[in-house]
PDB file of N, CA and C in Angstrom:
ATOM      1  N   UNK A   1    -122.847-121.483  22.092  1.00  0.00           N
ATOM      2  CA  UNK A   1    -121.726-122.013  21.015  1.00  0.00           C
ATOM      3  C   UNK A   1    -121.025-120.602  20.640  1.00  0.00           C
ATOM      4  N   UNK A   2    -119.943-120.403  19.897  1.00  0.00           N
ATOM      5  CA  UNK A   2    -118.777-119.673  19.395  1.00  0.00           C
ATOM      6  C   UNK A   2    -118.281-119.521  18.564  1.00  0.00           C
ATOM      7  N   UNK A   3    -118.059-118.958  16.916  1.00  0.00           N
ATOM      8  CA  UNK A   3    -117.043-119.613  16.317  1.00  0.00           C
ATOM      9  C   UNK A   3    -116.847-118.786  15.239  1.00  0.00           C
ATOM     10  N   UNK A   4    -116.097-118.661  15.184  1.00  0.00           N
ATOM     11  CA  UNK A   4    -115.484-118.036  14.084  1.00  0.00           C
ATOM     12  C   UNK A   4    -115.147-118.760  12.265  1.00  0.00           C
ATOM     13  N   UNK A   5    -115.944-118.000  11.407  1.00  0.00           N
ATOM     14  CA  UNK A   5    -115.754-118.415   9.997  1.00  0.00           C
ATOM     15  C   UNK A   5    -115.271-117.369   9.008  1.00  0.00           C
ATOM     16  N   UNK A   6    -114.827-118.005   7.925  1.00  0.00           N
ATOM     17  CA  UNK A   6    -113.652-117.454   7.521  1.00  0.00           C
ATOM     18  C   UNK A   6    -114.355-116.827   5.701  1.00  0.00           C
ATOM     19  N   UNK A   7    -113.952-116.248   5.275  1.00  0.00           N
ATOM     20  CA  UNK A   7    -114.786-116.194   4.141  1.00  0.00           C
ATOM     21  C   UNK A   7    -113.905-115.267   2.919  1.00  0.00           C
ATOM     22  N   UNK A   8    -114.152-115.481   2.264  1.00  0.00           N
ATOM     23  CA  UNK A   8    -113.641-114.835   0.841  1.00  0.00           C
ATOM     24  C   UNK A   8    -114.538-113.925  -0.263  1.00  0.00           C
ATOM     25  N   UNK A   9    -114.327-112.848   0.040  1.00  0.00           N
ATOM     26  CA  UNK A   9    -115.643-111.728  -0.583  1.00  0.00           C
ATOM     27  C   UNK A   9    -114.641-111.112  -1.291  1.00  0.00           C
ATOM     28  N   UNK A  10    -114.677-111.238  -2.581  1.00  0.00           N
ATOM     29  CA  UNK A  10    -114.170-110.515  -4.191  1.00  0.00           C
ATOM     30  C   UNK A  10    -112.783-110.689  -3.597  1.00  0.00           C
ATOM     31  N   UNK A  11    -112.293-111.553  -3.662  1.00  0.00           N
ATOM     32  CA  UNK A  11    -110.712-111.716  -3.199  1.00  0.00           C
ATOM     33  C   UNK A  11    -109.919-111.127  -1.894  1.00  0.00           C
ATOM     34  N   UNK A  12    -110.950-110.619  -0.665  1.00  0.00           N
ATOM     35  CA  UNK A  12    -110.936-110.180   0.426  1.00  0.00           C
ATOM     36  C   UNK A  12    -111.216-111.383   1.524  1.00  0.00           C
ATOM     37  N   UNK A  13    -110.497-111.836   2.482  1.00  0.00           N
ATOM     38  CA  UNK A  13    -110.894-112.362   3.647  1.00  0.00           C
ATOM     39  C   UNK A  13    -111.866-111.774   4.589  1.00  0.00           C
ATOM     40  N   UNK A  14    -113.074-111.905   4.643  1.00  0.00           N
ATOM     41  CA  UNK A  14    -113.949-111.630   6.103  1.00  0.00           C
ATOM     42  C   UNK A  14    -113.761-112.732   6.913  1.00  0.00           C
ATOM     43  N   UNK A  15    -114.289-112.551   8.615  1.00  0.00           N
ATOM     44  CA  UNK A  15    -114.262-112.878   9.229  1.00  0.00           C
ATOM     45  C   UNK A  15    -115.738-112.976   9.899  1.00  0.00           C
ATOM     46  N   UNK A  16    -116.526-113.855  10.293  1.00  0.00           N
ATOM     47  CA  UNK A  16    -117.707-113.944  10.556  1.00  0.00           C
ATOM     48  C   UNK A  16    -117.717-115.228  12.144  1.00  0.00           C
ATOM     49  N   UNK A  17    -117.413-113.843  13.517  1.00  0.00           N
ATOM     50  CA  UNK A  17    -117.822-114.359  14.358  1.00  0.00           C
ATOM     51  C   UNK A  17    -119.254-114.454  14.896  1.00  0.00           C
ATOM     52  N   UNK A  18    -119.854-115.608  15.762  1.00  0.00           N
ATOM     53  CA  UNK A  18    -121.085-115.617  15.878  1.00  0.00           C
ATOM     54  C   UNK A  18    -121.885-116.879  17.371  1.00  0.00           C
ATOM     55  N   UNK A  19    -122.569-116.027  17.847  1.00  0.00           N
ATOM     56  CA  UNK A  19    -123.352-117.308  18.845  1.00  0.00           C
ATOM     57  C   UNK A  19    -123.820-117.485  18.591  1.00  0.00           C
ATOM     58  N   UNK A  20    -124.220-119.159  18.730  1.00  0.00           N
ATOM     59  CA  UNK A  20    -125.556-120.127  18.792  1.00  0.00           C
ATOM     60  C   UNK A  20    -126.256-120.571  19.710  1.00  0.00           C
ATOM     61  N   UNK A  21    -127.163-120.782  19.882  1.00  0.00           N
ATOM     62  CA  UNK A  21    -127.847-121.158  20.729  1.00  0.00           C
ATOM     63  C   UNK A  21    -128.270-122.692  20.519  1.00  0.00           C
ATOM     64  N   UNK A  22    -128.122-123.497  21.382  1.00  0.00           N
ATOM     65  CA  UNK A  22    -127.458-124.347  20.398  1.00  0.00           C
ATOM     66  C   UNK A  22    -128.765-125.980  20.949  1.00  0.00           C
ATOM     67  N   UNK A  23    -130.452-125.090  21.634  1.00  0.00           N
ATOM     68  CA  UNK A  23    -131.309-126.070  22.322  1.00  0.00           C
ATOM     69  C   UNK A  23    -132.210-125.484  20.638  1.00  0.00           C
ATOM     70  N   UNK A  24    -131.779-124.309  20.100  1.00  0.00           N
ATOM     71  CA  UNK A  24    -132.459-124.263  18.936  1.00  0.00           C
ATOM     72  C   UNK A  24    -132.507-122.815  17.337  1.00  0.00           C
ATOM     73  N   UNK A  25    -130.596-123.596  18.359  1.00  0.00           N
ATOM     74  CA  UNK A  25    -130.406-123.141  16.542  1.00  0.00           C
ATOM     75  C   UNK A  25    -129.913-121.909  16.301  1.00  0.00           C
ATOM     76  N   UNK A  26    -130.941-120.742  16.982  1.00  0.00           N
ATOM     77  CA  UNK A  26    -130.557-119.451  16.644  1.00  0.00           C
ATOM     78  C   UNK A  26    -129.620-118.836  17.269  1.00  0.00           C
ATOM     79  N   UNK A  27    -129.199-117.932  16.343  1.00  0.00           N
ATOM     80  CA  UNK A  27    -128.234-117.706  16.079  1.00  0.00           C
ATOM     81  C   UNK A  27    -128.699-115.727  17.172  1.00  0.00           C
ATOM     82  N   UNK A  28    -127.507-115.602  18.351  1.00  0.00           N
ATOM     83  CA  UNK A  28    -128.348-115.162  19.080  1.00  0.00           C
ATOM     84  C   UNK A  28    -127.265-113.542  19.166  1.00  0.00           C
ATOM     85  N   UNK A  29    -126.108-113.630  18.423  1.00  0.00           N
ATOM     86  CA  UNK A  29    -125.109-112.196  18.346  1.00  0.00           C
ATOM     87  C   UNK A  29    -124.209-113.378  17.255  1.00  0.00           C
ATOM     88  N   UNK A  30    -123.389-111.670  16.813  1.00  0.00           N
ATOM     89  CA  UNK A  30    -122.631-111.972  15.388  1.00  0.00           C
ATOM     90  C   UNK A  30    -121.700-110.725  14.854  1.00  0.00           C
ATOM     91  N   UNK A  31    -120.510-110.601  14.491  1.00  0.00           N
ATOM     92  CA  UNK A  31    -120.201-109.909  14.573  1.00  0.00           C
ATOM     93  C   UNK A  31    -119.115-109.884  13.308  1.00  0.00           C
ATOM     94  N   UNK A  32    -118.195-108.781  12.389  1.00  0.00           N
ATOM     95  CA  UNK A  32    -117.687-109.622  11.002  1.00  0.00           C
ATOM     96  C   UNK A  32    -116.786-108.430  11.148  1.00  0.00           C
ATOM     97  N   UNK A  33    -115.314-109.401  11.218  1.00  0.00           N
ATOM     98  CA  UNK A  33    -114.012-108.341  10.738  1.00  0.00           C
ATOM     99  C   UNK A  33    -113.154-108.892   9.776  1.00  0.00           C
ATOM    100  N   UNK A  34    -112.429-107.529   9.416  1.00  0.00           N
ATOM    101  CA  UNK A  34    -111.922-108.152   8.261  1.00  0.00           C
ATOM    102  C   UNK A  34    -110.194-109.163   8.986  1.00  0.00           C
ATOM    103  N   UNK A  35    -109.967-109.243  10.171  1.00  0.00           N
ATOM    104  CA  UNK A  35    -109.212-110.378  10.948  1.00  0.00           C
ATOM    105  C   UNK A  35    -109.987-110.639  11.425  1.00  0.00           C
ATOM    106  N   UNK A  36    -109.255-112.021  12.124  1.00  0.00           N
ATOM    107  CA  UNK A  36    -109.418-112.940  13.003  1.00  0.00           C
ATOM    108  C   UNK A  36    -109.322-112.175  15.007  1.00  0.00           C
ATOM    109  N   UNK A  37    -109.684-111.970  15.305  1.00  0.00           N
ATOM    110  CA  UNK A  37    -108.910-111.428  16.456  1.00  0.00           C
ATOM    111  C   UNK A  37    -109.506-111.541  18.185  1.00  0.00           C
ATOM    112  N   UNK A  38    -108.674-111.619  19.233  1.00  0.00           N
ATOM    113  CA  UNK A  38    -109.018-111.678  19.606  1.00  0.00           C
ATOM    114  C   UNK A  38    -111.186-110.607  19.890  1.00  0.00           C
ATOM    115  N   UNK A  39    -110.368-109.622  19.588  1.00  0.00           N
ATOM    116  CA  UNK A  39    -111.082-108.677  20.292  1.00  0.00           C
ATOM    117  C   UNK A  39    -112.788-108.685  18.898  1.00  0.00           C
ATOM    118  N   UNK A  40    -112.932-109.167  17.899  1.00  0.00           N
ATOM    119  CA  UNK A  40    -113.115-109.921  16.991  1.00  0.00           C
ATOM    120  C   UNK A  40    -114.278-110.489  18.470  1.00  0.00           C
ATOM    121  N   UNK A  41    -113.985-111.687  18.981  1.00  0.00           N
ATOM    122  CA  UNK A  41    -114.779-112.837  19.588  1.00  0.00           C
ATOM    123  C   UNK A  41    -115.497-111.770  20.918  1.00  0.00           C
ATOM    124  N   UNK A  42    -114.751-111.557  21.731  1.00  0.00           N
ATOM    125  CA  UNK A  42    -114.969-110.587  22.620  1.00  0.00           C
ATOM    126  C   UNK A  42    -116.326-109.672  22.699  1.00  0.00           C
ATOM    127  N   UNK A  43    -116.345-108.503  21.444  1.00  0.00           N
ATOM    128  CA  UNK A  43    -117.662-108.337  21.058  1.00  0.00           C
ATOM    129  C   UNK A  43    -118.805-108.951  20.809  1.00  0.00           C
ATOM    130  N   UNK A  44    -118.717-110.278  20.046  1.00  0.00           N
ATOM    131  CA  UNK A  44    -119.722-110.933  19.926  1.00  0.00           C
ATOM    132  C   UNK A  44    -120.078-111.366  21.257  1.00  0.00           C
ATOM    133  N   UNK A  45    -119.091-111.807  22.047  1.00  0.00           N
ATOM    134  CA  UNK A  45    -120.123-112.309  23.137  1.00  0.00           C
ATOM    135  C   UNK A  45    -120.504-111.662  24.108  1.00  0.00           C
ATOM    136  N   UNK A  46    -119.380-110.537  24.194  1.00  0.00           N
ATOM    137  CA  UNK A  46    -120.488-108.814  24.703  1.00  0.00           C
ATOM    138  C   UNK A  46    -122.033-109.066  24.114  1.00  0.00           C
ATOM    139  N   UNK A  47    -122.005-109.443  22.974  1.00  0.00           N
ATOM    140  CA  UNK A  47    -123.331-108.681  22.469  1.00  0.00           C
ATOM    141  C   UNK A  47    -124.332-110.068  22.422  1.00  0.00           C
ATOM    142  N   UNK A  48    -124.298-111.260  23.110  1.00  0.00           N
ATOM    143  CA  UNK A  48    -124.858-111.917  23.340  1.00  0.00           C
ATOM    144  C   UNK A  48    -126.109-111.808  24.678  1.00  0.00           C
ATOM    145  N   UNK A  49    -127.138-112.249  24.681  1.00  0.00           N
ATOM    146  CA  UNK A  49    -128.364-111.734  25.551  1.00  0.00           C
ATOM    147  C   UNK A  49    -127.903-112.341  27.334  1.00  0.00           C
ATOM    148  N   UNK A  50    -127.644-111.658  27.648  1.00  0.00           N
ATOM    149  CA  UNK A  50    -127.282-111.623  29.257  1.00  0.00           C
ATOM    150  C   UNK A  50    -128.675-113.383  29.646  1.00  0.00           C
ATOM    151  N   UNK A  51    -127.822-114.126  30.886  1.00  0.00           N
ATOM    152  CA  UNK A  51    -128.083-114.698  31.463  1.00  0.00           C
ATOM    153  C   UNK A  51    -130.199-114.741  31.294  1.00  0.00           C
ATOM    154  N   UNK A  52    -130.330-113.493  32.131  1.00  0.00           N
ATOM    155  CA  UNK A  52    -131.723-112.625  32.816  1.00  0.00           C
ATOM    156  C   UNK A  52    -132.713-112.833  31.774  1.00  0.00           C
ATOM    157  N   UNK A  53    -132.070-113.296  30.642  1.00  0.00           N
ATOM    158  CA  UNK A  53    -132.695-112.437  29.781  1.00  0.00           C
ATOM    159  C   UNK A  53    -133.516-113.797  28.544  1.00  0.00           C
ATOM    160  N   UNK A  54    -132.365-114.911  28.809  1.00  0.00           N
ATOM    161  CA  UNK A  54    -133.414-115.679  28.251  1.00  0.00           C
ATOM    162  C   UNK A  54    -133.140-117.799  29.014  1.00  0.00           C
ATOM    163  N   UNK A  55    -131.807-117.529  30.353  1.00  0.00           N
ATOM    164  CA  UNK A  55    -132.242-118.379  31.473  1.00  0.00           C
ATOM    165  C   UNK A  55    -131.437-118.596  32.674  1.00  0.00           C
ATOM    166  N   UNK A  56    -131.347-119.747  33.521  1.00  0.00           N
ATOM    167  CA  UNK A  56    -130.778-118.695  34.625  1.00  0.00           C
ATOM    168  C   UNK A  56    -129.775-118.882  34.735  1.00  0.00           C
ATOM    169  N   UNK A  57    -129.294-119.688  33.824  1.00  0.00           N
ATOM    170  CA  UNK A  57    -127.738-120.165  33.706  1.00  0.00           C
ATOM    171  C   UNK A  57    -127.160-120.275  32.000  1.00  0.00           C
ATOM    172  N   UNK A  58    -125.973-120.391  31.705  1.00  0.00           N
ATOM    173  CA  UNK A  58    -125.546-119.799  30.502  1.00  0.00           C
ATOM    174  C   UNK A  58    -124.686-120.974  30.221  1.00  0.00           C
ATOM    175  N   UNK A  59    -124.141-121.792  28.935  1.00  0.00           N
ATOM    176  CA  UNK A  59    -122.590-122.311  29.250  1.00  0.00           C
ATOM    177  C   UNK A  59    -122.488-122.019  27.786  1.00  0.00           C
ATOM    178  N   UNK A  60    -121.008-121.596  27.759  1.00  0.00           N
ATOM    179  CA  UNK A  60    -120.161-121.259  26.731  1.00  0.00           C
ATOM    180  C   UNK A  60    -119.257-122.655  26.562  1.00  0.00           C
ATOM    181  N   UNK A  61    -119.306-122.268  25.234  1.00  0.00           N
ATOM    182  CA  UNK A  61    -118.699-123.627  24.375  1.00  0.00           C
ATOM    183  C   UNK A  61    -117.419-122.870  23.092  1.00  0.00           C
ATOM    184  N   UNK A  62    -116.761-123.844  22.474  1.00  0.00           N
ATOM    185  CA  UNK A  62    -115.750-123.186  21.972  1.00  0.00           C
ATOM    186  C   UNK A  62    -114.404-123.655  21.609  1.00  0.00           C
ATOM    187  N   UNK A  63    -113.996-123.890  20.932  1.00  0.00           N
ATOM    188  CA  UNK A  63    -112.878-124.476  20.001  1.00  0.00           C
ATOM    189  C   UNK A  63    -111.780-124.497  20.036  1.00  0.00           C
ATOM    190  N   UNK A  64    -111.528-123.044  20.845  1.00  0.00           N
ATOM    191  CA  UNK A  64    -110.503-122.478  21.322  1.00  0.00           C
ATOM    192  C   UNK A  64    -109.351-121.544  21.336  1.00  0.00           C
ATOM    193  N   UNK A  65    -109.516-121.541  19.048  1.00  0.00           N
ATOM    194  CA  UNK A  65    -108.303-121.761  18.798  1.00  0.00           C
ATOM    195  C   UNK A  65    -107.234-119.829  18.469  1.00  0.00           C
ATOM    196  N   UNK A  66    -106.487-119.432  17.885  1.00  0.00           N
ATOM    197  CA  UNK A  66    -105.488-118.208  18.736  1.00  0.00           C
ATOM    198  C   UNK A  66    -106.157-117.628  18.699  1.00  0.00           C
ATOM    199  N   UNK A  67    -107.448-117.107  18.010  1.00  0.00           N
ATOM    200  CA  UNK A  67    -107.687-115.755  17.897  1.00  0.00           C
ATOM    201  C   UNK A  67    -108.163-115.657  19.422  1.00  0.00           C
ATOM    202  N   UNK A  68    -109.279-116.589  19.959  1.00  0.00           N
ATOM    203  CA  UNK A  68    -109.086-116.701  21.240  1.00  0.00           C
ATOM    204  C   UNK A  68    -108.451-116.481  22.652  1.00  0.00           C
ATOM    205  N   UNK A  69    -107.602-117.091  22.096  1.00  0.00           N
ATOM    206  CA  UNK A  69    -105.913-117.306  23.420  1.00  0.00           C
ATOM    207  C   UNK A  69    -105.250-116.230  23.025  1.00  0.00           C
ATOM    208  N   UNK A  70    -104.834-115.169  22.000  1.00  0.00           N
ATOM    209  CA  UNK A  70    -103.641-113.813  21.881  1.00  0.00           C
ATOM    210  C   UNK A  70    -104.659-112.848  22.198  1.00  0.00           C
ATOM    211  N   UNK A  71    -103.974-111.770  22.557  1.00  0.00           N
ATOM    212  CA  UNK A  71    -104.460-110.917  22.670  1.00  0.00           C
ATOM    213  C   UNK A  71    -103.218-109.844  22.111  1.00  0.00           C
TER     214      UNK A  71
END
């Protein structure tokens, strides 16, 4: 599963993009950025383990908000 969360740190917005293994709750990849753009999510997905490293098949889930559908 992947999602983007907004944090307010000393008056500035920061965005955390994370991939989580729903089987055991482990965060398998994460990235932070100042803007919730497609590149943030794309680089997070690139950093996740490949199917060969963890399972024969992976299924991804996201709520597909605007930062995933715009470039």
